[in-house]
Amino acid sequence: MGRYVARRLLQMIPVFIGSTLLIFLMMYALPGDPVRALAGEQNVDQTQIDSLKAEYGLDKPVLVQYLMYLGKLFQGDFGMQIASQRPIAEVIAEAYPVTIQLTMFAFVFTVVAGITLGVLAGLKPDTLRDRGLLLLTLLLISVPSFVLGRLSQYFFAFQLGVVEPNVSLEESWNELLLPASVLAALSLAYVARLTRTSVAENLRSDYMRTAVAKGLPRRRIVGVHLMRNSMIPVVTFLGTDLGTLMAGAVVTEGIFNIHGVGSLVFEALRRREGATVVGIVTLIVLVYLICSLLVDLLYAVLDPRIRYA
């Protein structure tokens, strides 16, 4: 197991470098000047602009800037934000807890509701309950998140008045329930469908017929034998879904006026603050890699036949 973890950690290095390099090139190779954009419509002397570029290393080639970024990153330094003159790590640390809280709510809702609906439909395939789940998931997959967010905001806030249309600065947990549900809608649909298909397929397996023939209690048959084998593809999806939820929070936070990573990315893109965007994407890439490793390790827990050398 230890040797496998070491190999996986080594494999993460080129993936991490390739991902961060790609987003770095996308941000810094695009036309535009973040220093000049900071000045707005004001006339600024070119000498001052060149001085600021030299201060932030923007006068160097892109690959040199990336190597400098990696060197600072390994020291815990994400760079300096040009507009606010604050360390990017400090700016991200203020916004990230809100997004993490929103993401965790959405993730828990996805796991509980998605797996429950999928199991209920998978145990009775080709029934009205099963077809109802397929129709619901098709609807959730088809409706874009920004449309679903506006509809839920209109219905629950303006029509029923059970929630506030926007999240306050305190970001209490009850205010985050509606945006978390909107954020989790697409993932819930995939988890429910994946669980339903996996459960329905494993119900026809030989080991299930053997368990029934041995006279085991139905609770043990479903809870132990069926669920452990059916959860392997679901866990695979959920492992990478955390990063997807964080990326999808950009749209949801904009709809519900949540001051998290989403609003931070939007403002950074508007001001051409490439370092801020790269810093946030770097954290999301790390989340993806760590979750991927944890998923591989969970396989051995779900299926004892899997061994890591």
Protein backbone atom coordinates (compact mmCIF):
# COMPACT_ATOMS: atom_id res chain seq x y z
CA MET A 1 0.00 0.00 0.00
CA GLY A 2 2.78 2.44 0.91
CA ARG A 3 4.60 1.80 -2.36
CA TYR A 4 1.38 2.39 -4.31
CA VAL A 5 0.72 5.70 -2.52
CA ALA A 6 4.28 6.81 -3.24
CA ARG A 7 3.86 6.01 -6.95
CA ARG A 8 0.57 7.89 -7.09
CA LEU A 9 2.12 10.93 -5.42
CA LEU A 10 4.90 10.91 -8.00
CA GLN A 11 2.33 10.65 -10.80
CA MET A 12 0.57 13.71 -9.42
CA ILE A 13 3.60 15.92 -10.07
CA PRO A 14 3.40 16.03 -13.91
CA VAL A 15 -0.41 16.29 -13.74
CA PHE A 16 -0.15 19.23 -11.37
CA ILE A 17 2.50 20.97 -13.46
CA GLY A 18 0.63 20.39 -16.71
CA SER A 19 -2.69 21.66 -15.32
CA THR A 20 -1.27 24.78 -13.70
CA LEU A 21 0.90 25.53 -16.73
CA LEU A 22 -2.12 25.30 -19.01
CA ILE A 23 -4.22 27.75 -16.99
CA PHE A 24 -1.17 30.00 -16.54
CA LEU A 25 -0.62 30.18 -20.29
CA MET A 26 -4.33 30.79 -20.88
CA MET A 27 -4.37 33.72 -18.46
CA TYR A 28 -1.09 35.37 -19.41
CA ALA A 29 -1.07 34.68 -23.13
CA LEU A 30 -4.44 36.39 -23.68
CA PRO A 31 -4.35 39.98 -24.96
CA GLY A 32 -4.67 42.70 -22.35
CA ASP A 33 -2.58 44.42 -19.73
CA PRO A 34 -3.59 44.05 -16.05
CA VAL A 35 -1.44 47.02 -15.03
CA ARG A 36 -3.01 49.32 -17.62
CA ALA A 37 -6.48 47.94 -16.81
CA LEU A 38 -5.91 48.96 -13.19
CA ALA A 39 -5.53 52.57 -14.28
CA GLY A 40 -8.89 52.54 -16.09
CA GLU A 41 -9.50 55.65 -18.19
CA GLN A 42 -6.74 57.65 -16.52
CA ASN A 43 -3.63 58.60 -18.41
CA VAL A 44 -0.67 56.92 -16.75
CA ASP A 45 2.93 57.49 -17.62
CA GLN A 46 4.51 54.56 -19.44
CA THR A 47 7.43 54.67 -17.03
CA GLN A 48 5.11 53.94 -14.11
CA ILE A 49 3.51 51.07 -16.01
CA ASP A 50 6.92 49.57 -16.82
CA SER A 51 7.95 49.97 -13.19
CA LEU A 52 4.88 48.08 -11.94
CA LYS A 53 5.40 45.35 -14.53
CA ALA A 54 8.98 44.92 -13.38
CA GLU A 55 7.84 44.84 -9.73
CA TYR A 56 5.37 42.01 -10.37
CA GLY A 57 7.55 40.20 -12.89
CA LEU A 58 5.17 40.84 -15.79
CA ASP A 59 7.97 42.06 -18.02
CA LYS A 60 9.52 38.58 -18.22
CA PRO A 61 8.61 35.79 -20.68
CA VAL A 62 5.57 33.71 -19.75
CA LEU A 63 7.53 30.52 -19.03
CA VAL A 64 9.91 32.43 -16.77
CA GLN A 65 6.93 33.90 -14.94
CA TYR A 66 5.52 30.39 -14.49
CA LEU A 67 8.78 29.06 -13.06
CA MET A 68 8.88 32.00 -10.68
CA TYR A 69 5.28 31.25 -9.68
CA LEU A 70 6.12 27.59 -8.95
CA GLY A 71 9.14 28.61 -6.89
CA LYS A 72 7.03 30.93 -4.74
CA LEU A 73 4.18 28.41 -4.58
CA PHE A 74 6.35 25.77 -2.91
CA GLN A 75 7.06 28.37 -0.24
CA GLY A 76 3.35 29.02 0.29
CA ASP A 77 3.40 32.31 -1.63
CA PHE A 78 0.71 32.73 -4.30
CA GLY A 79 1.94 36.16 -5.27
CA MET A 80 0.54 39.66 -4.80
CA GLN A 81 -2.77 41.01 -6.07
CA ILE A 82 -2.17 44.14 -8.11
CA ALA A 83 -5.48 45.89 -7.43
CA SER A 84 -5.62 45.53 -3.64
CA GLN A 85 -1.86 45.20 -2.96
CA ARG A 86 -2.64 42.21 -0.75
CA PRO A 87 -1.15 38.70 -0.80
CA ILE A 88 -3.27 36.41 -2.95
CA ALA A 89 -3.09 33.69 -0.27
CA GLU A 90 -4.75 36.09 2.16
CA VAL A 91 -7.48 37.01 -0.34
CA ILE A 92 -8.19 33.35 -1.11
CA ALA A 93 -8.21 32.47 2.61
CA GLU A 94 -11.02 34.95 3.14
CA ALA A 95 -13.17 33.72 0.26
CA TYR A 96 -12.49 29.98 0.32
CA PRO A 97 -14.25 29.04 3.61
CA VAL A 98 -17.58 30.26 2.21
CA THR A 99 -17.16 28.21 -0.96
CA ILE A 100 -16.02 25.16 1.01
CA GLN A 101 -19.10 25.43 3.23
CA LEU A 102 -21.36 25.74 0.19
CA THR A 103 -19.59 22.85 -1.53
CA MET A 104 -19.84 20.59 1.53
CA PHE A 105 -23.57 21.24 1.82
CA ALA A 106 -24.00 20.46 -1.87
CA PHE A 107 -21.83 17.33 -1.62
CA VAL A 108 -23.72 15.93 1.38
CA PHE A 109 -27.03 16.63 -0.34
CA THR A 110 -25.76 14.89 -3.49
CA VAL A 111 -24.62 11.81 -1.58
CA VAL A 112 -27.70 11.41 0.61
CA ALA A 113 -30.40 12.26 -1.93
CA GLY A 114 -28.68 10.82 -5.00
CA ILE A 115 -27.80 7.44 -3.51
CA THR A 116 -31.19 7.10 -1.76
CA LEU A 117 -33.14 7.83 -4.95
CA GLY A 118 -30.86 5.58 -7.00
CA VAL A 119 -31.21 2.64 -4.60
CA LEU A 120 -35.00 2.98 -4.39
CA ALA A 121 -35.27 3.00 -8.19
CA GLY A 122 -32.67 0.28 -8.73
CA LEU A 123 -34.37 -2.17 -6.37
CA LYS A 124 -37.56 -1.91 -8.45
CA PRO A 125 -36.38 -1.42 -12.06
CA ASP A 126 -38.88 -0.76 -14.86
CA THR A 127 -41.54 0.42 -12.44
CA LEU A 128 -43.31 3.75 -12.10
CA ARG A 129 -40.83 4.75 -9.39
CA ASP A 130 -37.93 3.96 -11.66
CA ARG A 131 -39.37 5.88 -14.61
CA GLY A 132 -40.14 8.83 -12.34
CA LEU A 133 -36.49 8.98 -11.26
CA LEU A 134 -35.29 8.85 -14.87
CA LEU A 135 -37.65 11.69 -15.77
CA LEU A 136 -36.48 13.79 -12.79
CA THR A 137 -32.80 13.27 -13.52
CA LEU A 138 -33.32 14.03 -17.21
CA LEU A 139 -34.95 17.32 -16.22
CA LEU A 140 -32.10 18.23 -13.85
CA ILE A 141 -29.47 17.40 -16.46
CA SER A 142 -31.25 19.38 -19.17
CA VAL A 143 -31.78 22.61 -17.22
CA PRO A 144 -28.65 24.82 -16.93
CA SER A 145 -27.61 25.75 -13.41
CA PHE A 146 -28.15 29.47 -13.93
CA VAL A 147 -31.73 28.83 -15.12
CA LEU A 148 -32.43 26.48 -12.22
CA GLY A 149 -30.96 29.03 -9.81
CA ARG A 150 -33.13 31.86 -11.09
CA LEU A 151 -36.25 29.66 -11.06
CA SER A 152 -35.67 28.46 -7.51
CA GLN A 153 -34.89 32.00 -6.42
CA TYR A 154 -38.14 33.26 -7.97
CA PHE A 155 -40.28 30.44 -6.61
CA PHE A 156 -38.94 30.00 -3.07
CA ALA A 157 -37.94 33.60 -2.35
CA PHE A 158 -40.33 35.87 -4.28
CA GLN A 159 -43.42 33.65 -4.46
CA LEU A 160 -43.35 31.58 -1.28
CA GLY A 161 -41.10 33.87 0.78
CA VAL A 162 -39.50 30.97 2.68
CA VAL A 163 -35.94 32.12 1.98
CA GLU A 164 -34.12 35.32 1.16
CA PRO A 165 -33.27 35.84 -2.53
CA ASN A 166 -29.64 36.69 -1.70
CA VAL A 167 -27.26 35.38 0.91
CA SER A 168 -26.20 37.90 3.55
CA LEU A 169 -22.62 38.63 4.52
CA GLU A 170 -22.91 36.32 7.55
CA GLU A 171 -23.62 33.32 5.26
CA SER A 172 -25.63 31.35 7.84
CA TRP A 173 -26.18 27.67 7.10
CA ASN A 174 -29.92 28.00 6.45
CA GLU A 175 -29.24 30.70 3.82
CA LEU A 176 -26.87 28.36 1.99
CA LEU A 177 -29.35 25.49 1.71
CA LEU A 178 -31.07 26.79 -1.43
CA PRO A 179 -27.88 27.66 -3.37
CA ALA A 180 -26.35 24.36 -2.23
CA SER A 181 -29.36 22.49 -3.62
CA VAL A 182 -29.03 24.32 -6.94
CA LEU A 183 -25.31 23.60 -7.04
CA ALA A 184 -25.89 19.91 -6.30
CA ALA A 185 -28.71 19.40 -8.80
CA LEU A 186 -26.60 18.23 -11.73
CA SER A 187 -24.36 16.00 -9.61
CA LEU A 188 -27.42 14.55 -7.86
CA ALA A 189 -28.88 13.53 -11.21
CA TYR A 190 -25.69 11.73 -12.25
CA VAL A 191 -25.28 10.01 -8.87
CA ALA A 192 -28.90 8.85 -8.84
CA ARG A 193 -28.68 7.45 -12.38
CA LEU A 194 -25.32 5.81 -11.73
CA THR A 195 -26.54 4.25 -8.47
CA ARG A 196 -29.76 3.03 -10.08
CA THR A 197 -27.92 1.38 -12.99
CA SER A 198 -25.32 -0.22 -10.73
CA VAL A 199 -27.89 -1.57 -8.26
CA ALA A 200 -30.16 -2.92 -11.00
CA GLU A 201 -27.22 -4.65 -12.69
CA ASN A 202 -25.85 -6.21 -9.49
CA LEU A 203 -29.30 -7.51 -8.54
CA ARG A 204 -29.00 -9.98 -11.43
CA SER A 205 -25.52 -11.16 -10.40
CA ASP A 206 -24.77 -14.73 -9.33
CA TYR A 207 -23.55 -13.73 -5.88
CA MET A 208 -26.91 -12.07 -5.17
CA ARG A 209 -28.81 -15.22 -6.10
CA THR A 210 -26.42 -17.22 -3.91
CA ALA A 211 -27.01 -14.88 -0.96
CA VAL A 212 -30.78 -15.23 -1.37
CA ALA A 213 -30.50 -19.03 -1.68
CA LYS A 214 -28.50 -19.19 1.56
CA GLY A 215 -31.40 -17.53 3.35
CA LEU A 216 -29.57 -14.39 4.43
CA PRO A 217 -31.72 -11.54 5.75
CA ARG A 218 -32.75 -9.03 3.09
CA ARG A 219 -31.17 -6.21 5.10
CA ARG A 220 -27.80 -7.94 4.96
CA ILE A 221 -28.18 -8.84 1.29
CA VAL A 222 -28.93 -5.26 0.28
CA GLY A 223 -26.87 -3.38 2.87
CA VAL A 224 -23.67 -5.44 2.62
CA HIS A 225 -23.47 -7.52 -0.54
CA LEU A 226 -25.40 -5.32 -2.96
CA MET A 227 -24.36 -1.87 -1.75
CA ARG A 228 -20.62 -2.52 -1.44
CA ASN A 229 -20.32 -3.67 -5.03
CA SER A 230 -22.74 -1.09 -6.39
CA MET A 231 -20.96 1.85 -4.77
CA ILE A 232 -17.63 1.43 -6.63
CA PRO A 233 -18.63 3.46 -9.74
CA VAL A 234 -20.53 5.94 -7.55
CA VAL A 235 -17.48 6.55 -5.35
CA THR A 236 -15.42 7.09 -8.51
CA PHE A 237 -17.77 9.84 -9.62
CA LEU A 238 -18.08 11.42 -6.17
CA GLY A 239 -14.31 11.54 -5.77
CA THR A 240 -13.91 13.96 -8.67
CA ASP A 241 -17.22 15.71 -8.05
CA LEU A 242 -15.81 17.85 -5.23
CA GLY A 243 -13.63 19.76 -7.65
CA THR A 244 -16.53 20.04 -10.08
CA LEU A 245 -18.76 21.49 -7.37
CA MET A 246 -16.11 24.08 -6.49
CA ALA A 247 -15.81 25.09 -10.12
CA GLY A 248 -19.59 25.19 -10.53
CA ALA A 249 -19.90 27.41 -7.45
CA VAL A 250 -18.75 30.35 -9.60
CA VAL A 251 -22.17 30.55 -11.30
CA THR A 252 -24.19 29.74 -8.20
CA GLU A 253 -22.40 32.31 -6.06
CA GLY A 254 -23.06 34.96 -8.68
CA ILE A 255 -26.80 34.22 -8.71
CA PHE A 256 -27.21 34.26 -4.92
CA ASN A 257 -24.66 37.04 -4.25
CA ILE A 258 -22.35 34.83 -2.19
CA HIS A 259 -18.97 36.40 -1.50
CA GLY A 260 -16.83 33.35 -2.10
CA VAL A 261 -14.40 32.08 -4.68
CA GLY A 262 -16.94 32.63 -7.46
CA SER A 263 -17.16 36.38 -6.98
CA LEU A 264 -13.40 36.48 -6.48
CA VAL A 265 -12.80 34.75 -9.83
CA PHE A 266 -15.28 37.02 -11.58
CA GLU A 267 -13.64 40.18 -10.26
CA ALA A 268 -10.18 38.82 -11.05
CA LEU A 269 -11.17 38.04 -14.64
CA ARG A 270 -12.74 41.46 -15.05
CA ARG A 271 -9.54 43.16 -13.83
CA ARG A 272 -7.28 40.67 -15.66
CA GLU A 273 -5.78 39.56 -12.34
CA GLY A 274 -4.29 36.37 -13.73
CA ALA A 275 -2.38 35.50 -10.56
CA THR A 276 -5.60 35.32 -8.53
CA VAL A 277 -7.30 33.03 -11.05
CA VAL A 278 -4.23 30.80 -11.27
CA GLY A 279 -4.05 30.58 -7.47
CA ILE A 280 -7.68 29.48 -7.17
CA VAL A 281 -7.34 26.95 -9.99
CA THR A 282 -4.19 25.60 -8.34
CA LEU A 283 -6.15 24.81 -5.18
CA ILE A 284 -8.93 23.16 -7.20
CA VAL A 285 -6.35 21.00 -9.01
CA LEU A 286 -4.92 19.91 -5.65
CA VAL A 287 -8.41 18.99 -4.46
CA TYR A 288 -8.94 16.89 -7.61
CA LEU A 289 -5.64 15.05 -7.15
CA ILE A 290 -6.16 14.34 -3.45
CA CYS A 291 -9.72 13.13 -4.00
CA SER A 292 -8.57 10.90 -6.83
CA LEU A 293 -6.00 9.28 -4.54
CA LEU A 294 -8.56 8.78 -1.77
CA VAL A 295 -10.99 7.17 -4.21
CA ASP A 296 -8.37 4.65 -5.33
CA LEU A 297 -7.69 3.77 -1.70
CA LEU A 298 -11.40 3.37 -0.98
CA TYR A 299 -11.65 0.72 -3.69
CA ALA A 300 -9.82 -1.71 -1.43
CA VAL A 301 -12.32 -1.03 1.35
CA LEU A 302 -15.36 -1.57 -0.85
CA ASP A 303 -13.96 -4.60 -2.70
CA PRO A 304 -11.58 -6.86 -0.67
CA ARG A 305 -10.42 -8.49 -3.92
CA ILE A 306 -8.52 -5.32 -4.85
CA ARG A 307 -4.91 -5.33 -3.66
CA TYR A 308 -2.30 -2.60 -4.05
CA ALA A 309 1.34 -3.57 -4.41
